Amino acid sequence: MIEDKKEYSLSNKEIAISYAVCETIKEYYYSDVEMFANFMKDLGLDLLNNSLHPNTPEGIGNLAAKSVIEACKSDGSNQYGEEEGSNGESYFNYVGYQPINSPDKNIDPNLWQPKYFSDGKGGTYAPGCLTPFWDKVEPLALK
């Protein structure tokens, strides 16, 4: 714990928050890591600083991110493909959902219907429901 009151400065709080956000983004929005690495560099911060020391703003931020990531690992989103009924693939449909409606026929207008999209090659495809198990996800902050 930071014991010296001057360590509670706005600058240290901003650094801790920046690391917390950046580490969390690396986990969930990995395709944006380069953009955030540049942002951290612009702030004069090192994205590769993985300190978990609770006496530094970087460590506090990284610890906060680690806590959030750990809390969300078994939240029902199946991000790691570890939910019962999964095949090990991230976000796999572990509930076995199959839509009642097809892309061509809407049997029940109150239920989800797959739609056709261009495949960019002159054809079409109808993707399945991406997260049919989202009702099983436990929110982190809304309890």
N, C-alpha and C. Protein backbone atom coordinates (compact mmCIF):
# COMPACT_ATOMS: atom_id res chain seq x y z
N MET A 1 0.83 -1.18 0.00
CA MET A 1 0.00 0.00 0.00
C MET A 1 0.88 1.25 0.00
N ILE A 2 0.42 2.24 -0.71
CA ILE A 2 1.12 3.52 -0.71
C ILE A 2 0.84 4.19 0.63
N GLU A 3 1.88 4.52 1.37
CA GLU A 3 1.70 5.09 2.70
C GLU A 3 1.92 6.59 2.74
N ASP A 4 2.71 7.12 1.83
CA ASP A 4 3.02 8.54 1.81
C ASP A 4 1.89 9.27 1.08
N LYS A 5 1.26 10.24 1.74
CA LYS A 5 0.11 10.96 1.17
C LYS A 5 0.42 11.58 -0.18
N LYS A 6 1.66 12.05 -0.39
CA LYS A 6 1.99 12.67 -1.68
C LYS A 6 1.93 11.66 -2.83
N GLU A 7 1.96 10.38 -2.48
CA GLU A 7 1.86 9.34 -3.51
C GLU A 7 0.43 9.23 -4.05
N TYR A 8 -0.53 9.89 -3.38
CA TYR A 8 -1.92 9.88 -3.83
C TYR A 8 -2.19 11.01 -4.83
N SER A 9 -1.18 11.48 -5.49
CA SER A 9 -1.29 12.61 -6.41
C SER A 9 -2.18 12.27 -7.60
N LEU A 10 -2.71 13.30 -8.22
CA LEU A 10 -3.52 13.12 -9.41
C LEU A 10 -2.72 12.40 -10.50
N SER A 11 -1.46 12.75 -10.64
CA SER A 11 -0.60 12.11 -11.65
C SER A 11 -0.50 10.61 -11.41
N ASN A 12 -0.29 10.19 -10.17
CA ASN A 12 -0.20 8.76 -9.88
C ASN A 12 -1.53 8.05 -10.11
N LYS A 13 -2.62 8.73 -9.80
CA LYS A 13 -3.94 8.14 -10.06
C LYS A 13 -4.15 7.96 -11.56
N GLU A 14 -3.75 8.95 -12.34
CA GLU A 14 -3.88 8.86 -13.80
C GLU A 14 -3.02 7.74 -14.36
N ILE A 15 -1.82 7.58 -13.82
CA ILE A 15 -0.95 6.49 -14.27
C ILE A 15 -1.57 5.13 -13.94
N ALA A 16 -2.06 4.99 -12.72
CA ALA A 16 -2.68 3.72 -12.32
C ALA A 16 -3.89 3.39 -13.20
N ILE A 17 -4.72 4.38 -13.45
CA ILE A 17 -5.90 4.16 -14.30
C ILE A 17 -5.48 3.81 -15.72
N SER A 18 -4.46 4.48 -16.23
CA SER A 18 -3.98 4.20 -17.60
C SER A 18 -3.51 2.75 -17.71
N TYR A 19 -2.76 2.29 -16.72
CA TYR A 19 -2.29 0.89 -16.75
C TYR A 19 -3.45 -0.08 -16.59
N ALA A 20 -4.40 0.23 -15.73
CA ALA A 20 -5.54 -0.65 -15.54
C ALA A 20 -6.33 -0.79 -16.84
N VAL A 21 -6.58 0.32 -17.50
CA VAL A 21 -7.32 0.30 -18.76
C VAL A 21 -6.53 -0.44 -19.83
N CYS A 22 -5.26 -0.12 -19.94
CA CYS A 22 -4.44 -0.72 -21.00
C CYS A 22 -4.32 -2.23 -20.83
N GLU A 23 -4.08 -2.69 -19.62
CA GLU A 23 -3.96 -4.14 -19.40
C GLU A 23 -5.28 -4.84 -19.68
N THR A 24 -6.38 -4.22 -19.32
CA THR A 24 -7.68 -4.82 -19.58
C THR A 24 -7.96 -4.86 -21.08
N ILE A 25 -7.60 -3.80 -21.78
CA ILE A 25 -7.78 -3.76 -23.23
C ILE A 25 -6.94 -4.82 -23.92
N LYS A 26 -5.73 -5.05 -23.42
CA LYS A 26 -4.88 -6.09 -24.00
C LYS A 26 -5.56 -7.45 -23.93
N GLU A 27 -6.36 -7.67 -22.90
CA GLU A 27 -7.05 -8.95 -22.71
C GLU A 27 -8.29 -9.06 -23.60
N TYR A 28 -9.07 -7.99 -23.68
CA TYR A 28 -10.37 -8.08 -24.34
C TYR A 28 -10.42 -7.46 -25.74
N TYR A 29 -9.55 -6.52 -26.03
CA TYR A 29 -9.54 -5.86 -27.33
C TYR A 29 -8.14 -5.93 -27.92
N TYR A 30 -7.62 -7.16 -28.01
CA TYR A 30 -6.23 -7.38 -28.41
C TYR A 30 -5.91 -6.82 -29.79
N SER A 31 -6.90 -6.65 -30.65
CA SER A 31 -6.62 -6.09 -31.98
C SER A 31 -6.30 -4.60 -31.89
N ASP A 32 -6.58 -3.96 -30.75
CA ASP A 32 -6.29 -2.54 -30.57
C ASP A 32 -5.04 -2.28 -29.74
N VAL A 33 -4.26 -3.32 -29.45
CA VAL A 33 -3.09 -3.17 -28.59
C VAL A 33 -2.10 -2.15 -29.14
N GLU A 34 -1.87 -2.18 -30.43
CA GLU A 34 -0.90 -1.23 -31.01
C GLU A 34 -1.35 0.21 -30.81
N MET A 35 -2.64 0.46 -31.00
CA MET A 35 -3.17 1.80 -30.82
C MET A 35 -2.96 2.26 -29.36
N PHE A 36 -3.22 1.37 -28.41
CA PHE A 36 -3.06 1.74 -27.02
C PHE A 36 -1.60 1.81 -26.60
N ALA A 37 -0.77 1.01 -27.24
CA ALA A 37 0.67 1.13 -26.97
C ALA A 37 1.15 2.51 -27.38
N ASN A 38 0.69 2.99 -28.51
CA ASN A 38 1.05 4.34 -28.95
C ASN A 38 0.50 5.40 -28.00
N PHE A 39 -0.71 5.19 -27.52
CA PHE A 39 -1.31 6.13 -26.57
C PHE A 39 -0.49 6.16 -25.28
N MET A 40 -0.11 4.99 -24.79
CA MET A 40 0.70 4.92 -23.57
C MET A 40 2.05 5.60 -23.80
N LYS A 41 2.62 5.38 -24.98
CA LYS A 41 3.91 6.02 -25.31
C LYS A 41 3.76 7.53 -25.32
N ASP A 42 2.66 8.02 -25.89
CA ASP A 42 2.40 9.47 -25.90
C ASP A 42 2.28 10.02 -24.48
N LEU A 43 1.81 9.20 -23.55
CA LEU A 43 1.70 9.61 -22.15
C LEU A 43 3.03 9.47 -21.41
N GLY A 44 4.02 8.90 -22.10
CA GLY A 44 5.31 8.67 -21.46
C GLY A 44 5.32 7.43 -20.60
N LEU A 45 4.40 6.50 -20.86
CA LEU A 45 4.28 5.28 -20.07
C LEU A 45 4.71 4.08 -20.90
N ASP A 46 5.18 3.05 -20.25
CA ASP A 46 5.68 1.84 -20.91
C ASP A 46 4.63 0.74 -20.85
N LEU A 47 4.08 0.38 -21.99
CA LEU A 47 3.05 -0.66 -22.06
C LEU A 47 3.58 -2.00 -21.56
N LEU A 48 4.87 -2.21 -21.63
CA LEU A 48 5.46 -3.48 -21.22
C LEU A 48 5.77 -3.54 -19.72
N ASN A 49 5.46 -2.49 -18.99
CA ASN A 49 5.68 -2.50 -17.55
C ASN A 49 4.61 -3.37 -16.91
N ASN A 50 4.98 -4.58 -16.53
CA ASN A 50 4.03 -5.55 -15.96
C ASN A 50 4.13 -5.64 -14.44
N SER A 51 4.67 -4.61 -13.81
CA SER A 51 4.84 -4.61 -12.36
C SER A 51 3.51 -4.87 -11.67
N LEU A 52 3.55 -5.68 -10.63
CA LEU A 52 2.39 -5.91 -9.78
C LEU A 52 2.67 -5.40 -8.37
N HIS A 53 3.63 -4.51 -8.25
CA HIS A 53 4.02 -3.99 -6.94
C HIS A 53 2.98 -2.96 -6.48
N PRO A 54 2.37 -3.18 -5.34
CA PRO A 54 1.30 -2.29 -4.89
C PRO A 54 1.78 -0.92 -4.38
N ASN A 55 3.09 -0.69 -4.39
CA ASN A 55 3.61 0.61 -3.97
C ASN A 55 3.89 1.53 -5.15
N THR A 56 3.50 1.10 -6.35
CA THR A 56 3.72 1.94 -7.53
C THR A 56 2.39 2.13 -8.25
N PRO A 57 2.20 3.25 -8.92
CA PRO A 57 0.95 3.43 -9.67
C PRO A 57 0.80 2.39 -10.79
N GLU A 58 1.92 2.03 -11.41
CA GLU A 58 1.87 1.01 -12.48
C GLU A 58 1.39 -0.32 -11.90
N GLY A 59 1.95 -0.69 -10.76
CA GLY A 59 1.57 -1.94 -10.12
C GLY A 59 0.12 -1.95 -9.68
N ILE A 60 -0.35 -0.84 -9.14
CA ILE A 60 -1.76 -0.76 -8.73
C ILE A 60 -2.67 -0.90 -9.94
N GLY A 61 -2.33 -0.23 -11.03
CA GLY A 61 -3.13 -0.35 -12.25
C GLY A 61 -3.15 -1.76 -12.79
N ASN A 62 -1.98 -2.40 -12.84
CA ASN A 62 -1.89 -3.77 -13.34
C ASN A 62 -2.62 -4.75 -12.42
N LEU A 63 -2.54 -4.52 -11.11
CA LEU A 63 -3.28 -5.37 -10.17
C LEU A 63 -4.79 -5.21 -10.35
N ALA A 64 -5.23 -3.98 -10.57
CA ALA A 64 -6.67 -3.75 -10.79
C ALA A 64 -7.14 -4.48 -12.04
N ALA A 65 -6.36 -4.37 -13.12
CA ALA A 65 -6.71 -5.06 -14.37
C ALA A 65 -6.74 -6.57 -14.15
N LYS A 66 -5.74 -7.08 -13.47
CA LYS A 66 -5.68 -8.53 -13.21
C LYS A 66 -6.90 -8.98 -12.42
N SER A 67 -7.33 -8.19 -11.45
CA SER A 67 -8.50 -8.54 -10.64
C SER A 67 -9.77 -8.59 -11.49
N VAL A 68 -9.94 -7.61 -12.36
CA VAL A 68 -11.12 -7.59 -13.23
C VAL A 68 -11.09 -8.78 -14.18
N ILE A 69 -9.95 -9.04 -14.79
CA ILE A 69 -9.83 -10.16 -15.73
C ILE A 69 -10.13 -11.48 -15.03
N GLU A 70 -9.57 -11.68 -13.84
CA GLU A 70 -9.82 -12.91 -13.09
C GLU A 70 -11.29 -13.05 -12.71
N ALA A 71 -11.90 -11.94 -12.32
CA ALA A 71 -13.32 -11.98 -11.92
C ALA A 71 -14.22 -12.33 -13.09
N CYS A 72 -13.80 -12.02 -14.29
CA CYS A 72 -14.63 -12.26 -15.48
C CYS A 72 -14.35 -13.60 -16.15
N LYS A 73 -13.35 -14.34 -15.70
CA LYS A 73 -12.96 -15.57 -16.40
C LYS A 73 -14.06 -16.62 -16.44
N SER A 74 -14.85 -16.72 -15.43
CA SER A 74 -15.92 -17.74 -15.44
C SER A 74 -17.27 -17.06 -15.29
N ASP A 75 -17.46 -16.00 -16.07
CA ASP A 75 -18.69 -15.21 -15.98
C ASP A 75 -19.81 -15.72 -16.88
N GLY A 76 -19.54 -16.77 -17.66
CA GLY A 76 -20.55 -17.32 -18.56
C GLY A 76 -20.37 -16.89 -20.00
N SER A 77 -19.44 -15.96 -20.27
CA SER A 77 -19.25 -15.50 -21.65
C SER A 77 -18.49 -16.51 -22.51
N ASN A 78 -17.83 -17.45 -21.87
CA ASN A 78 -17.07 -18.49 -22.56
C ASN A 78 -15.93 -17.93 -23.38
N GLN A 79 -15.34 -16.85 -22.91
CA GLN A 79 -14.22 -16.23 -23.62
C GLN A 79 -13.05 -17.20 -23.81
N TYR A 80 -12.86 -18.08 -22.86
CA TYR A 80 -11.71 -18.99 -22.92
C TYR A 80 -12.11 -20.40 -23.36
N GLY A 81 -13.37 -20.58 -23.74
CA GLY A 81 -13.83 -21.89 -24.21
C GLY A 81 -13.86 -22.94 -23.11
N GLU A 82 -14.07 -22.52 -21.87
CA GLU A 82 -14.00 -23.43 -20.74
C GLU A 82 -15.34 -23.75 -20.09
N GLU A 83 -16.42 -23.19 -20.60
CA GLU A 83 -17.72 -23.48 -19.99
C GLU A 83 -18.12 -24.93 -20.31
N GLU A 84 -18.85 -25.53 -19.38
CA GLU A 84 -19.33 -26.90 -19.60
C GLU A 84 -20.18 -26.93 -20.87
N GLY A 85 -19.90 -27.85 -21.76
CA GLY A 85 -20.60 -27.95 -23.03
C GLY A 85 -19.85 -27.29 -24.17
N SER A 86 -18.72 -26.65 -23.87
CA SER A 86 -17.93 -25.99 -24.89
C SER A 86 -16.96 -26.99 -25.53
N ASN A 87 -16.41 -26.57 -26.66
CA ASN A 87 -15.42 -27.42 -27.34
C ASN A 87 -14.01 -26.88 -27.20
N GLY A 88 -13.82 -25.91 -26.30
CA GLY A 88 -12.51 -25.31 -26.10
C GLY A 88 -12.28 -24.07 -26.93
N GLU A 89 -13.21 -23.76 -27.81
CA GLU A 89 -13.09 -22.58 -28.67
C GLU A 89 -13.70 -21.37 -27.97
N SER A 90 -13.01 -20.24 -28.06
CA SER A 90 -13.53 -19.00 -27.44
C SER A 90 -14.93 -18.68 -27.95
N TYR A 91 -15.81 -18.36 -27.04
CA TYR A 91 -17.18 -17.94 -27.32
C TYR A 91 -18.00 -19.01 -28.06
N PHE A 92 -17.60 -20.26 -27.95
CA PHE A 92 -18.35 -21.36 -28.57
C PHE A 92 -19.76 -21.41 -27.98
N ASN A 93 -20.73 -21.74 -28.83
CA ASN A 93 -22.13 -21.86 -28.43
C ASN A 93 -22.30 -23.09 -27.54
N TYR A 94 -22.02 -22.94 -26.26
CA TYR A 94 -22.06 -24.08 -25.34
C TYR A 94 -23.47 -24.44 -24.90
N VAL A 95 -24.46 -23.65 -25.28
CA VAL A 95 -25.85 -23.96 -24.90
C VAL A 95 -26.57 -24.73 -26.01
N GLY A 96 -25.93 -24.89 -27.17
CA GLY A 96 -26.54 -25.64 -28.27
C GLY A 96 -27.68 -24.93 -28.96
N TYR A 97 -27.72 -23.61 -28.89
CA TYR A 97 -28.81 -22.84 -29.49
C TYR A 97 -28.88 -23.06 -31.00
N GLN A 98 -30.08 -23.31 -31.49
CA GLN A 98 -30.38 -23.38 -32.92
C GLN A 98 -31.58 -22.47 -33.16
N PRO A 99 -31.48 -21.54 -34.09
CA PRO A 99 -32.61 -20.62 -34.32
C PRO A 99 -33.83 -21.33 -34.90
N ILE A 100 -35.00 -20.87 -34.50
CA ILE A 100 -36.26 -21.37 -35.06
C ILE A 100 -36.41 -20.87 -36.49
N ASN A 101 -36.05 -19.61 -36.70
CA ASN A 101 -36.14 -18.99 -38.03
C ASN A 101 -34.88 -19.28 -38.83
N SER A 102 -35.04 -19.37 -40.13
CA SER A 102 -33.90 -19.52 -41.03
C SER A 102 -33.71 -18.19 -41.77
N PRO A 103 -32.62 -18.03 -42.50
CA PRO A 103 -32.46 -16.78 -43.26
C PRO A 103 -33.57 -16.59 -44.30
N ASP A 104 -34.17 -17.70 -44.73
CA ASP A 104 -35.17 -17.64 -45.78
C ASP A 104 -36.61 -17.65 -45.28
N LYS A 105 -36.82 -18.08 -44.05
CA LYS A 105 -38.20 -18.21 -43.56
C LYS A 105 -38.30 -17.74 -42.11
N ASN A 106 -39.21 -16.79 -41.89
CA ASN A 106 -39.44 -16.26 -40.55
C ASN A 106 -40.67 -16.93 -39.97
N ILE A 107 -40.45 -17.98 -39.20
CA ILE A 107 -41.54 -18.74 -38.59
C ILE A 107 -42.15 -17.97 -37.42
N ASP A 108 -41.29 -17.38 -36.60
CA ASP A 108 -41.74 -16.63 -35.43
C ASP A 108 -41.06 -15.26 -35.44
N PRO A 109 -41.80 -14.20 -35.77
CA PRO A 109 -41.20 -12.87 -35.86
C PRO A 109 -40.70 -12.31 -34.52
N ASN A 110 -41.06 -12.96 -33.43
CA ASN A 110 -40.59 -12.53 -32.12
C ASN A 110 -39.22 -13.10 -31.76
N LEU A 111 -38.71 -13.99 -32.60
CA LEU A 111 -37.42 -14.62 -32.34
C LEU A 111 -36.38 -14.17 -33.36
N TRP A 112 -35.13 -14.34 -33.00
CA TRP A 112 -34.01 -13.93 -33.84
C TRP A 112 -34.02 -14.67 -35.17
N GLN A 113 -33.66 -13.97 -36.22
CA GLN A 113 -33.58 -14.57 -37.56
C GLN A 113 -32.22 -14.23 -38.17
N PRO A 114 -31.49 -15.25 -38.62
CA PRO A 114 -30.23 -14.96 -39.33
C PRO A 114 -30.51 -14.22 -40.63
N LYS A 115 -29.61 -13.37 -41.03
CA LYS A 115 -29.75 -12.60 -42.26
C LYS A 115 -28.55 -12.86 -43.16
N TYR A 116 -28.77 -12.72 -44.46
CA TYR A 116 -27.69 -12.89 -45.42
C TYR A 116 -26.82 -11.65 -45.51
N PHE A 117 -25.52 -11.88 -45.68
CA PHE A 117 -24.55 -10.81 -45.90
C PHE A 117 -23.72 -11.18 -47.12
N SER A 118 -23.18 -10.18 -47.78
CA SER A 118 -22.29 -10.42 -48.91
C SER A 118 -20.98 -11.00 -48.39
N ASP A 119 -20.45 -11.97 -49.12
CA ASP A 119 -19.16 -12.53 -48.73
C ASP A 119 -18.01 -11.80 -49.42
N GLY A 120 -18.34 -10.77 -50.22
CA GLY A 120 -17.33 -9.99 -50.92
C GLY A 120 -16.80 -10.65 -52.17
N LYS A 121 -17.34 -11.82 -52.50
CA LYS A 121 -16.88 -12.57 -53.66
C LYS A 121 -18.03 -12.90 -54.60
N GLY A 122 -19.14 -12.18 -54.44
CA GLY A 122 -20.31 -12.42 -55.28
C GLY A 122 -21.33 -13.35 -54.65
N GLY A 123 -21.01 -13.94 -53.53
CA GLY A 123 -21.93 -14.84 -52.86
C GLY A 123 -22.46 -14.23 -51.57
N THR A 124 -23.18 -15.04 -50.83
CA THR A 124 -23.72 -14.59 -49.55
C THR A 124 -23.49 -15.66 -48.49
N TYR A 125 -23.61 -15.25 -47.25
CA TYR A 125 -23.55 -16.18 -46.13
C TYR A 125 -24.44 -15.64 -45.02
N ALA A 126 -24.90 -16.53 -44.18
CA ALA A 126 -25.74 -16.15 -43.04
C ALA A 126 -25.06 -16.65 -41.77
N PRO A 127 -24.38 -15.76 -41.04
CA PRO A 127 -23.71 -16.21 -39.81
C PRO A 127 -24.71 -16.63 -38.75
N GLY A 128 -24.28 -17.52 -37.90
CA GLY A 128 -25.12 -17.94 -36.79
C GLY A 128 -25.16 -16.87 -35.71
N CYS A 129 -25.97 -17.10 -34.72
CA CYS A 129 -26.07 -16.19 -33.59
C CYS A 129 -24.73 -16.22 -32.84
N LEU A 130 -24.11 -15.05 -32.67
CA LEU A 130 -22.76 -14.99 -32.11
C LEU A 130 -22.69 -15.34 -30.63
N THR A 131 -23.63 -14.90 -29.85
CA THR A 131 -23.57 -15.15 -28.41
C THR A 131 -24.95 -15.53 -27.87
N PRO A 132 -25.46 -16.69 -28.25
CA PRO A 132 -26.81 -17.08 -27.81
C PRO A 132 -26.90 -17.37 -26.32
N PHE A 133 -25.77 -17.38 -25.65
CA PHE A 133 -25.73 -17.70 -24.23
C PHE A 133 -25.56 -16.43 -23.38
N TRP A 134 -25.71 -15.26 -23.99
CA TRP A 134 -25.40 -14.02 -23.27
C TRP A 134 -26.29 -13.80 -22.05
N ASP A 135 -27.43 -14.45 -22.03
CA ASP A 135 -28.29 -14.33 -20.85
C ASP A 135 -27.68 -15.02 -19.63
N LYS A 136 -26.68 -15.84 -19.84
CA LYS A 136 -26.02 -16.55 -18.76
C LYS A 136 -24.82 -15.80 -18.20
N VAL A 137 -24.42 -14.70 -18.84
CA VAL A 137 -23.26 -13.94 -18.40
C VAL A 137 -23.62 -13.15 -17.15
N GLU A 138 -22.76 -13.30 -16.13
CA GLU A 138 -22.94 -12.57 -14.88
C GLU A 138 -22.22 -11.23 -15.00
N PRO A 139 -22.94 -10.13 -14.86
CA PRO A 139 -22.29 -8.82 -14.95
C PRO A 139 -21.31 -8.61 -13.80
N LEU A 140 -20.23 -7.92 -14.09
CA LEU A 140 -19.21 -7.67 -13.09
C LEU A 140 -19.64 -6.63 -12.07
N ALA A 141 -20.24 -5.54 -12.54
CA ALA A 141 -20.53 -4.43 -11.64
C ALA A 141 -22.01 -4.23 -11.34
N LEU A 142 -22.88 -4.93 -12.01
CA LEU A 142 -24.32 -4.73 -11.83
C LEU A 142 -24.91 -5.89 -11.04
N LYS A 143 -24.70 -5.90 -9.77
CA LYS A 143 -25.22 -7.01 -8.96
C LYS A 143 -26.29 -6.53 -8.02
